[in-house]
Amino acid sequence: MLSLCILLLCFVPLAWQQKILVQHPSPNEKVIANSVVPVEYHVQRLDHFQPSSSISVVLQWQHLGSDQTLHANVHHGLTARAHRALEDLYFYHWRTPHCHFFLRYPPTQFNFSMVFTPANTTEASIVDIPLDFSSVVANTCHGQHH
């Protein structure tokens, strides 16, 4: 019986769970071109076994009325570990794209979001934060030629 239990433990994958909670930016937050956006996220450990993990963050945009999605890397290798406690807070800054990006991909024609994808986790762990760049061209890029 003991050998059967040991055998089962060897073949049962050690599942671990964590939850990523993005505090900032908030969903549909208004963001402008070439600005610094603070990014703040919590990692909650939901069990005791947690291997090293990281988070990749991309800016994703999709043309309205199309299934085609484009993306640009924002950051990769952000830590996704809750070290000392069951929850840790992490913070960094992201500079939004310049005006020429939004002249090519006008916010009136595209939906934008910041997507947090933890490594070694399920698709349910992906966090998608819609961003509102609607005021970019009218307020920050008017008359600029970059």
Protein backbone atom coordinates (compact mmCIF):
# COMPACT_ATOMS: atom_id res chain seq x y z
CA MET A 1 0.00 0.00 0.00
CA LEU A 2 2.81 2.40 0.88
CA SER A 3 4.54 1.76 -2.45
CA LEU A 4 1.28 2.47 -4.28
CA CYS A 5 0.97 5.83 -2.48
CA ILE A 6 4.57 6.72 -3.33
CA LEU A 7 3.98 5.69 -6.94
CA LEU A 8 0.86 7.85 -7.15
CA LEU A 9 2.70 10.83 -5.69
CA CYS A 10 5.39 10.47 -8.34
CA PHE A 11 2.90 10.60 -11.18
CA VAL A 12 0.42 13.14 -9.85
CA PRO A 13 1.47 16.59 -11.04
CA LEU A 14 2.10 19.03 -8.24
CA ALA A 15 -0.42 21.72 -8.98
CA TRP A 16 0.10 25.14 -7.54
CA GLN A 17 -2.13 28.09 -7.68
CA GLN A 18 -1.64 31.79 -7.50
CA LYS A 19 -3.82 34.74 -8.23
CA ILE A 20 -2.61 37.92 -9.90
CA LEU A 21 -4.57 41.03 -8.90
CA VAL A 22 -3.81 44.15 -10.92
CA GLN A 23 -4.44 47.29 -8.88
CA HIS A 24 -3.18 49.77 -11.45
CA PRO A 25 -3.89 50.53 -14.23
CA SER A 26 -7.58 50.10 -13.57
CA PRO A 27 -9.90 48.79 -16.32
CA ASN A 28 -10.71 51.42 -18.96
CA GLU A 29 -8.30 53.91 -17.43
CA LYS A 30 -7.65 56.92 -19.66
CA VAL A 31 -4.02 56.87 -20.80
CA ILE A 32 -2.10 59.26 -23.06
CA ALA A 33 0.83 58.86 -25.46
CA ASN A 34 4.42 58.98 -24.22
CA SER A 35 3.45 59.05 -20.56
CA VAL A 36 4.53 57.00 -17.57
CA VAL A 37 1.88 54.68 -16.19
CA PRO A 38 2.43 53.10 -12.78
CA VAL A 39 1.77 49.36 -12.81
CA GLU A 40 0.92 47.76 -9.48
CA TYR A 41 -0.03 44.13 -8.96
CA HIS A 42 -0.46 41.69 -6.08
CA VAL A 43 0.48 38.02 -6.18
CA GLN A 44 -1.59 35.85 -3.86
CA ARG A 45 -0.29 32.38 -3.13
CA LEU A 46 -3.16 29.95 -2.72
CA ASP A 47 -1.16 26.93 -1.54
CA HIS A 48 2.19 26.05 0.02
CA PHE A 49 4.06 24.71 -3.01
CA GLN A 50 5.02 27.44 -5.43
CA PRO A 51 7.81 27.11 -7.99
CA SER A 52 9.53 30.14 -9.40
CA SER A 53 7.29 31.91 -11.86
CA SER A 54 7.20 35.12 -13.84
CA ILE A 55 4.73 37.35 -15.62
CA SER A 56 4.88 38.68 -19.16
CA VAL A 57 2.98 41.87 -19.94
CA VAL A 58 1.99 42.95 -23.45
CA LEU A 59 0.08 45.86 -24.92
CA GLN A 60 -2.53 44.27 -27.15
CA TRP A 61 -4.68 46.03 -29.73
CA GLN A 62 -7.41 44.78 -32.01
CA HIS A 63 -8.97 46.56 -34.97
CA LEU A 64 -12.68 47.12 -34.40
CA GLY A 65 -14.67 44.58 -36.38
CA SER A 66 -11.70 42.26 -36.89
CA ASP A 67 -10.40 39.13 -35.19
CA GLN A 68 -6.78 40.06 -35.83
CA THR A 69 -4.90 40.95 -32.65
CA LEU A 70 -1.53 42.67 -32.53
CA HIS A 71 0.72 43.08 -29.52
CA ALA A 72 3.95 44.64 -28.31
CA ASN A 73 5.98 43.51 -25.32
CA VAL A 74 5.69 45.81 -22.33
CA HIS A 75 7.75 43.73 -19.91
CA HIS A 76 8.70 40.10 -19.44
CA GLY A 77 10.16 38.32 -16.47
CA LEU A 78 8.28 40.25 -13.80
CA THR A 79 8.22 38.22 -10.61
CA ALA A 80 5.07 36.29 -9.76
CA ARG A 81 6.15 34.89 -6.42
CA ALA A 82 4.64 35.56 -3.05
CA HIS A 83 7.89 35.33 -1.09
CA ARG A 84 7.46 35.91 2.60
CA ALA A 85 3.74 35.82 3.04
CA LEU A 86 0.71 34.64 1.17
CA GLU A 87 0.63 37.91 -0.75
CA ASP A 88 3.24 40.33 -2.09
CA LEU A 89 2.85 43.67 -3.84
CA TYR A 90 4.96 44.65 -6.87
CA PHE A 91 5.29 47.98 -8.62
CA TYR A 92 6.99 49.30 -11.77
CA HIS A 93 6.55 52.04 -14.40
CA TRP A 94 5.60 51.62 -18.05
CA ARG A 95 6.05 54.31 -20.70
CA THR A 96 3.21 54.31 -23.20
CA PRO A 97 3.91 54.40 -26.96
CA HIS A 98 4.70 57.69 -28.70
CA CYS A 99 2.31 59.63 -30.94
CA HIS A 100 3.50 58.02 -34.18
CA PHE A 101 2.24 54.65 -32.88
CA PHE A 102 -1.24 56.08 -32.36
CA LEU A 103 -1.22 57.82 -35.72
CA ARG A 104 -0.66 54.36 -37.23
CA TYR A 105 -3.15 52.65 -34.88
CA PRO A 106 -5.80 55.32 -34.13
CA PRO A 107 -7.64 54.72 -30.84
CA THR A 108 -10.92 55.41 -32.64
CA GLN A 109 -10.31 52.28 -34.75
CA PHE A 110 -8.68 49.93 -32.20
CA ASN A 111 -9.36 48.47 -28.77
CA PHE A 112 -6.31 48.41 -26.48
CA SER A 113 -5.54 46.36 -23.40
CA MET A 114 -2.65 45.45 -21.14
CA VAL A 115 -2.44 41.65 -20.78
CA PHE A 116 -0.67 40.00 -17.83
CA THR A 117 0.25 36.36 -18.54
CA PRO A 118 1.86 34.33 -15.75
CA ALA A 119 4.24 31.55 -16.80
CA ASN A 120 3.49 27.99 -15.69
CA THR A 121 -0.19 28.66 -15.02
CA THR A 122 -3.54 28.08 -16.64
CA GLU A 123 -5.23 30.36 -19.13
CA ALA A 124 -7.68 31.32 -16.39
CA SER A 125 -4.78 33.16 -14.70
CA ILE A 126 -4.40 35.65 -17.56
CA VAL A 127 -5.45 39.18 -16.59
CA ASP A 128 -6.68 41.50 -19.37
CA ILE A 129 -6.98 45.20 -18.48
CA PRO A 130 -8.71 47.35 -21.15
CA LEU A 131 -7.11 50.79 -21.60
CA ASP A 132 -8.71 53.94 -22.98
CA PHE A 133 -6.42 55.83 -25.36
CA SER A 134 -9.36 57.70 -26.95
CA SER A 135 -8.04 61.15 -26.04
CA VAL A 136 -4.52 60.51 -27.41
CA VAL A 137 -4.72 61.94 -30.92
CA ALA A 138 -6.99 64.84 -30.10
CA ASN A 139 -5.17 66.00 -26.98
CA THR A 140 -1.54 64.90 -27.12
CA CYS A 141 -0.59 64.26 -30.74
CA HIS A 142 -2.32 67.10 -32.53
CA GLY A 143 0.25 68.96 -34.58
CA GLN A 144 3.15 66.72 -33.55
CA HIS A 145 5.14 65.03 -36.30
CA HIS A 146 7.39 62.34 -34.82
